[in-house]
C-alpha cells in the first residue's frame, strides 16, 4: 500500500520589500513520503522568494515531467521553472528548453559544490538559469520546528529572509552560485 503525502497548511504574511509585494497567502504544501521536511521548507521558501500570482506548486516528486514550482502564462506556457535539489545536466537542459527562465535551489552540503562543478558550464551557457545554495543550518532549524498548521511571516529585504512564527525569528539568505 502506497504512503500518502502529509499536508502542511501555512498562512504566510509576505513582505517582499525588494519587489514591493505585500500579500497574505494561504498555502497548502504536500510533503511527499520520500521527501525530507528540510526539502519541503526549501520549496516553501522558493515560493515566497519568487511569489507571483500565477506561481504554483506542482506534483513535484510524484511527477518526473514537472518541476517543484512553476509559473505559467495564461496560454499555459511555462514562464518560470523552479527546481529544488541537484538536477542532472539532462534535466537542466529539459527545463531550460521548456521554460523562459530556470531557477535551481540547490542543497546537500558538500555535494552541492561537486554538482555545481559538473553543471557550471551548462548553467553559464543558459543565461536565463540561476542557481542558489540553500542555507541548510537555518533550513534545518526551521524544519525541526514545523507544525502541520502554521502562521508564518516572511520579510525579504536586500535578499535576506526573516522568518517569524510563534515566538521565534530566524534570518537566512540563499547564496547565488556563480563560480
C-alpha atoms as a PDB file:
ATOM      1  CA  UNK A   1       0.000   0.000   0.000  1.00  0.00           C
ATOM      2  CA  UNK A   2       1.394   3.382  -1.017  1.00  0.00           C
ATOM      3  CA  UNK A   3       2.016   6.015   1.617  1.00  0.00           C
ATOM      4  CA  UNK A   4       0.084   9.261   1.325  1.00  0.00           C
ATOM      5  CA  UNK A   5       1.555  12.735   1.356  1.00  0.00           C
ATOM      6  CA  UNK A   6       1.333  14.761   4.563  1.00  0.00           C
ATOM      7  CA  UNK A   7      -0.322  18.136   4.067  1.00  0.00           C
ATOM      8  CA  UNK A   8       1.066  21.237   5.786  1.00  0.00           C
ATOM      9  CA  UNK A   9      -1.031  24.396   5.907  1.00  0.00           C
ATOM     10  CA  UNK A  10       0.704  27.760   6.099  1.00  0.00           C
ATOM     11  CA  UNK A  11      -0.707  31.246   6.347  1.00  0.00           C
ATOM     12  CA  UNK A  12       2.111  33.371   5.001  1.00  0.00           C
ATOM     13  CA  UNK A  13       2.271  37.103   5.611  1.00  0.00           C
ATOM     14  CA  UNK A  14       4.761  38.050   2.904  1.00  0.00           C
ATOM     15  CA  UNK A  15       6.535  41.409   2.906  1.00  0.00           C
ATOM     16  CA  UNK A  16       8.970  41.425  -0.005  1.00  0.00           C
ATOM     17  CA  UNK A  17      10.480  44.875   0.279  1.00  0.00           C
ATOM     18  CA  UNK A  18      12.878  44.174  -2.591  1.00  0.00           C
ATOM     19  CA  UNK A  19       9.976  43.793  -5.041  1.00  0.00           C
ATOM     20  CA  UNK A  20       7.237  45.796  -3.286  1.00  0.00           C
ATOM     21  CA  UNK A  21       4.995  42.784  -2.683  1.00  0.00           C
ATOM     22  CA  UNK A  22       2.821  42.661   0.438  1.00  0.00           C
ATOM     23  CA  UNK A  23       0.471  39.684   0.453  1.00  0.00           C
ATOM     24  CA  UNK A  24      -1.164  37.224   2.805  1.00  0.00           C
ATOM     25  CA  UNK A  25      -1.375  33.767   1.275  1.00  0.00           C
ATOM     26  CA  UNK A  26      -2.914  30.516   2.425  1.00  0.00           C
ATOM     27  CA  UNK A  27      -0.577  27.817   1.153  1.00  0.00           C
ATOM     28  CA  UNK A  28      -1.018  24.055   1.349  1.00  0.00           C
ATOM     29  CA  UNK A  29       2.177  22.091   0.783  1.00  0.00           C
ATOM     30  CA  UNK A  30       2.264  18.319   0.379  1.00  0.00           C
ATOM     31  CA  UNK A  31       5.223  16.528   1.951  1.00  0.00           C
ATOM     32  CA  UNK A  32       5.874  13.537  -0.306  1.00  0.00           C
ATOM     33  CA  UNK A  33       6.567  10.311   1.661  1.00  0.00           C
ATOM     34  CA  UNK A  34      10.142  10.188   0.337  1.00  0.00           C
ATOM     35  CA  UNK A  35      10.795  13.899   0.911  1.00  0.00           C
ATOM     36  CA  UNK A  36      12.502  15.407   3.945  1.00  0.00           C
ATOM     37  CA  UNK A  37      10.933  18.276   5.848  1.00  0.00           C
ATOM     38  CA  UNK A  38      14.008  20.379   5.015  1.00  0.00           C
ATOM     39  CA  UNK A  39      13.392  19.915   1.273  1.00  0.00           C
ATOM     40  CA  UNK A  40       9.756  20.876   1.701  1.00  0.00           C
ATOM     41  CA  UNK A  41      10.851  24.025   3.575  1.00  0.00           C
ATOM     42  CA  UNK A  42      13.124  24.958   0.656  1.00  0.00           C
ATOM     43  CA  UNK A  43      10.149  24.585  -1.708  1.00  0.00           C
ATOM     44  CA  UNK A  44       8.047  26.782   0.568  1.00  0.00           C
ATOM     45  CA  UNK A  45      10.744  29.458   0.768  1.00  0.00           C
ATOM     46  CA  UNK A  46      11.328  29.331  -3.007  1.00  0.00           C
ATOM     47  CA  UNK A  47       7.604  30.002  -3.359  1.00  0.00           C
ATOM     48  CA  UNK A  48       7.848  33.043  -1.077  1.00  0.00           C
ATOM     49  CA  UNK A  49      11.016  34.398  -2.699  1.00  0.00           C
ATOM     50  CA  UNK A  50       9.545  34.140  -6.196  1.00  0.00           C
ATOM     51  CA  UNK A  51       5.911  34.802  -5.339  1.00  0.00           C
ATOM     52  CA  UNK A  52       3.733  35.996  -8.182  1.00  0.00           C
ATOM     53  CA  UNK A  53       0.046  35.449  -8.752  1.00  0.00           C
ATOM     54  CA  UNK A  54       0.487  32.523 -11.161  1.00  0.00           C
ATOM     55  CA  UNK A  55       3.303  30.731  -9.295  1.00  0.00           C
ATOM     56  CA  UNK A  56       2.146  27.329  -8.095  1.00  0.00           C
ATOM     57  CA  UNK A  57       3.368  24.090  -6.615  1.00  0.00           C
ATOM     58  CA  UNK A  58       3.300  21.086  -8.946  1.00  0.00           C
ATOM     59  CA  UNK A  59       3.140  17.372  -8.302  1.00  0.00           C
ATOM     60  CA  UNK A  60       6.910  17.624  -7.782  1.00  0.00           C
ATOM     61  CA  UNK A  61       8.485  14.336  -6.761  1.00  0.00           C
ATOM     62  CA  UNK A  62       5.359  12.469  -7.866  1.00  0.00           C
ATOM     63  CA  UNK A  63       5.782  13.598 -11.484  1.00  0.00           C
ATOM     64  CA  UNK A  64       9.139  13.489 -13.312  1.00  0.00           C
ATOM     65  CA  UNK A  65       7.929  15.791 -16.083  1.00  0.00           C
ATOM     66  CA  UNK A  66       7.245  18.696 -13.726  1.00  0.00           C
ATOM     67  CA  UNK A  67       9.436  20.971 -11.590  1.00  0.00           C
ATOM     68  CA  UNK A  68       8.790  21.675  -7.916  1.00  0.00           C
ATOM     69  CA  UNK A  69       7.156  25.008  -8.759  1.00  0.00           C
ATOM     70  CA  UNK A  70       6.267  26.773 -11.936  1.00  0.00           C
ATOM     71  CA  UNK A  71       4.708  29.940 -13.207  1.00  0.00           C
ATOM     72  CA  UNK A  72       2.673  29.501 -16.350  1.00  0.00           C
ATOM     73  CA  UNK A  73       1.353  32.116 -18.722  1.00  0.00           C
ATOM     74  CA  UNK A  74      -2.357  32.447 -19.369  1.00  0.00           C
ATOM     75  CA  UNK A  75      -1.745  30.480 -22.577  1.00  0.00           C
ATOM     76  CA  UNK A  76      -0.225  27.612 -20.500  1.00  0.00           C
ATOM     77  CA  UNK A  77       3.417  28.186 -21.472  1.00  0.00           C
ATOM     78  CA  UNK A  78       5.975  27.709 -18.697  1.00  0.00           C
ATOM     79  CA  UNK A  79       7.448  31.105 -17.901  1.00  0.00           C
ATOM     80  CA  UNK A  80       9.456  30.024 -14.865  1.00  0.00           C
ATOM     81  CA  UNK A  81      10.642  26.552 -13.844  1.00  0.00           C
ATOM     82  CA  UNK A  82      11.827  26.197 -10.241  1.00  0.00           C
ATOM     83  CA  UNK A  83      13.769  23.083  -9.280  1.00  0.00           C
ATOM     84  CA  UNK A  84      14.847  22.072  -5.748  1.00  0.00           C
ATOM     85  CA  UNK A  85      17.831  19.762  -5.351  1.00  0.00           C
ATOM     86  CA  UNK A  86      20.688  18.781  -7.618  1.00  0.00           C
ATOM     87  CA  UNK A  87      19.199  18.128 -11.067  1.00  0.00           C
ATOM     88  CA  UNK A  88      21.417  16.382 -13.582  1.00  0.00           C
ATOM     89  CA  UNK A  89      22.500  18.053 -16.834  1.00  0.00           C
ATOM     90  CA  UNK A  90      19.764  16.308 -18.824  1.00  0.00           C
ATOM     91  CA  UNK A  91      17.044  17.673 -16.523  1.00  0.00           C
ATOM     92  CA  UNK A  92      18.577  21.170 -16.631  1.00  0.00           C
ATOM     93  CA  UNK A  93      18.532  21.097 -20.420  1.00  0.00           C
ATOM     94  CA  UNK A  94      14.916  19.908 -20.454  1.00  0.00           C
ATOM     95  CA  UNK A  95      13.886  22.651 -18.009  1.00  0.00           C
ATOM     96  CA  UNK A  96      15.738  25.287 -19.996  1.00  0.00           C
ATOM     97  CA  UNK A  97      14.126  24.165 -23.250  1.00  0.00           C
ATOM     98  CA  UNK A  98      10.607  24.110 -21.790  1.00  0.00           C
ATOM     99  CA  UNK A  99      10.666  27.433 -19.913  1.00  0.00           C
ATOM    100  CA  UNK A 100      11.676  31.051 -20.256  1.00  0.00           C
ATOM    101  CA  UNK A 101      13.688  31.017 -17.028  1.00  0.00           C
ATOM    102  CA  UNK A 102      15.056  28.364 -14.700  1.00  0.00           C
ATOM    103  CA  UNK A 103      15.852  28.711 -11.008  1.00  0.00           C
ATOM    104  CA  UNK A 104      17.574  25.967  -9.036  1.00  0.00           C
ATOM    105  CA  UNK A 105      17.631  25.910  -5.231  1.00  0.00           C
ATOM    106  CA  UNK A 106      20.485  23.504  -4.520  1.00  0.00           C
ATOM    107  CA  UNK A 107      21.004  21.793  -1.193  1.00  0.00           C
ATOM    108  CA  UNK A 108      23.017  18.906   0.178  1.00  0.00           C
ATOM    109  CA  UNK A 109      26.199  20.082   1.884  1.00  0.00           C
ATOM    110  CA  UNK A 110      29.491  19.494   0.045  1.00  0.00           C
ATOM    111  CA  UNK A 111      27.709  17.590  -2.719  1.00  0.00           C
ATOM    112  CA  UNK A 112      26.381  20.971  -3.936  1.00  0.00           C
ATOM    113  CA  UNK A 113      29.922  22.050  -4.846  1.00  0.00           C
ATOM    114  CA  UNK A 114      30.612  18.788  -6.684  1.00  0.00           C
ATOM    115  CA  UNK A 115      27.289  19.005  -8.536  1.00  0.00           C
ATOM    116  CA  UNK A 116      27.826  22.659  -9.479  1.00  0.00           C
ATOM    117  CA  UNK A 117      31.305  21.920 -10.845  1.00  0.00           C
ATOM    118  CA  UNK A 118      29.694  19.335 -13.154  1.00  0.00           C
ATOM    119  CA  UNK A 119      26.903  21.598 -14.453  1.00  0.00           C
ATOM    120  CA  UNK A 120      28.587  25.029 -14.248  1.00  0.00           C
ATOM    121  CA  UNK A 121      29.427  25.186 -17.959  1.00  0.00           C
ATOM    122  CA  UNK A 122      25.862  24.361 -18.957  1.00  0.00           C
ATOM    123  CA  UNK A 123      24.433  26.875 -16.452  1.00  0.00           C
ATOM    124  CA  UNK A 124      26.681  29.622 -17.831  1.00  0.00           C
ATOM    125  CA  UNK A 125      25.547  28.905 -21.391  1.00  0.00           C
ATOM    126  CA  UNK A 126      21.897  29.257 -20.365  1.00  0.00           C
ATOM    127  CA  UNK A 127      21.655  32.937 -19.464  1.00  0.00           C
ATOM    128  CA  UNK A 128      18.127  32.522 -18.096  1.00  0.00           C
ATOM    129  CA  UNK A 129      19.320  29.980 -15.485  1.00  0.00           C
ATOM    130  CA  UNK A 130      20.251  30.948 -11.928  1.00  0.00           C
ATOM    131  CA  UNK A 131      21.413  28.652  -9.123  1.00  0.00           C
ATOM    132  CA  UNK A 132      21.122  29.355  -5.399  1.00  0.00           C
ATOM    133  CA  UNK A 133      22.607  27.457  -2.445  1.00  0.00           C
ATOM    134  CA  UNK A 134      20.159  26.843   0.391  1.00  0.00           C
ATOM    135  CA  UNK A 135      21.347  27.913   3.873  1.00  0.00           C
ATOM    136  CA  UNK A 136      20.972  24.449   5.389  1.00  0.00           C
ATOM    137  CA  UNK A 137      21.705  25.304   9.035  1.00  0.00           C
ATOM    138  CA  UNK A 138      18.817  27.789   9.034  1.00  0.00           C
ATOM    139  CA  UNK A 139      16.586  25.488   6.963  1.00  0.00           C
ATOM    140  CA  UNK A 140      17.178  22.620   9.401  1.00  0.00           C
ATOM    141  CA  UNK A 141      16.455  24.872  12.384  1.00  0.00           C
ATOM    142  CA  UNK A 142      13.105  25.891  10.926  1.00  0.00           C
ATOM    143  CA  UNK A 143      12.245  22.371   9.696  1.00  0.00           C
ATOM    144  CA  UNK A 144      12.781  20.976  13.201  1.00  0.00           C
ATOM    145  CA  UNK A 145      10.016  23.272  14.463  1.00  0.00           C
ATOM    146  CA  UNK A 146       7.438  22.668  11.733  1.00  0.00           C
ATOM    147  CA  UNK A 147       3.842  22.141  12.660  1.00  0.00           C
ATOM    148  CA  UNK A 148       1.105  20.887  10.357  1.00  0.00           C
ATOM    149  CA  UNK A 149      -0.649  24.267  10.579  1.00  0.00           C
ATOM    150  CA  UNK A 150       1.434  27.422  10.970  1.00  0.00           C
ATOM    151  CA  UNK A 151       1.186  31.156  10.650  1.00  0.00           C
ATOM    152  CA  UNK A 152       4.437  32.444   9.226  1.00  0.00           C
ATOM    153  CA  UNK A 153       5.665  35.954   8.458  1.00  0.00           C
ATOM    154  CA  UNK A 154       8.355  36.243   5.823  1.00  0.00           C
ATOM    155  CA  UNK A 155      10.072  39.556   5.253  1.00  0.00           C
ATOM    156  CA  UNK A 156      12.550  39.867   2.399  1.00  0.00           C
ATOM    157  CA  UNK A 157      14.896  42.838   2.338  1.00  0.00           C
ATOM    158  CA  UNK A 158      18.199  43.093   0.456  1.00  0.00           C
ATOM    159  CA  UNK A 159      17.979  39.356  -0.255  1.00  0.00           C
ATOM    160  CA  UNK A 160      17.760  38.423   3.442  1.00  0.00           C
ATOM    161  CA  UNK A 161      14.729  36.430   4.557  1.00  0.00           C
ATOM    162  CA  UNK A 162      13.458  36.979   8.079  1.00  0.00           C
ATOM    163  CA  UNK A 163      11.047  34.254   9.158  1.00  0.00           C
ATOM    164  CA  UNK A 164       8.853  34.837  12.192  1.00  0.00           C
ATOM    165  CA  UNK A 165       6.490  32.267  13.699  1.00  0.00           C
ATOM    166  CA  UNK A 166       5.036  31.786  17.188  1.00  0.00           C
ATOM    167  CA  UNK A 167       7.730  33.404  19.364  1.00  0.00           C
ATOM    168  CA  UNK A 168      10.606  32.508  17.024  1.00  0.00           C
ATOM    169  CA  UNK A 169      12.604  34.529  14.499  1.00  0.00           C
ATOM    170  CA  UNK A 170      15.236  33.363  12.024  1.00  0.00           C
ATOM    171  CA  UNK A 171      17.299  35.186   9.378  1.00  0.00           C
ATOM    172  CA  UNK A 172      18.698  33.444   6.313  1.00  0.00           C
ATOM    173  CA  UNK A 173      19.970  34.153   2.832  1.00  0.00           C
ATOM    174  CA  UNK A 174      20.158  31.986  -0.288  1.00  0.00           C
ATOM    175  CA  UNK A 175      23.567  32.451  -1.907  1.00  0.00           C
ATOM    176  CA  UNK A 176      23.665  32.722  -5.696  1.00  0.00           C
ATOM    177  CA  UNK A 177      26.267  30.351  -7.141  1.00  0.00           C
ATOM    178  CA  UNK A 178      28.279  31.861  -9.958  1.00  0.00           C
ATOM    179  CA  UNK A 179      31.762  30.324  -9.708  1.00  0.00           C
END
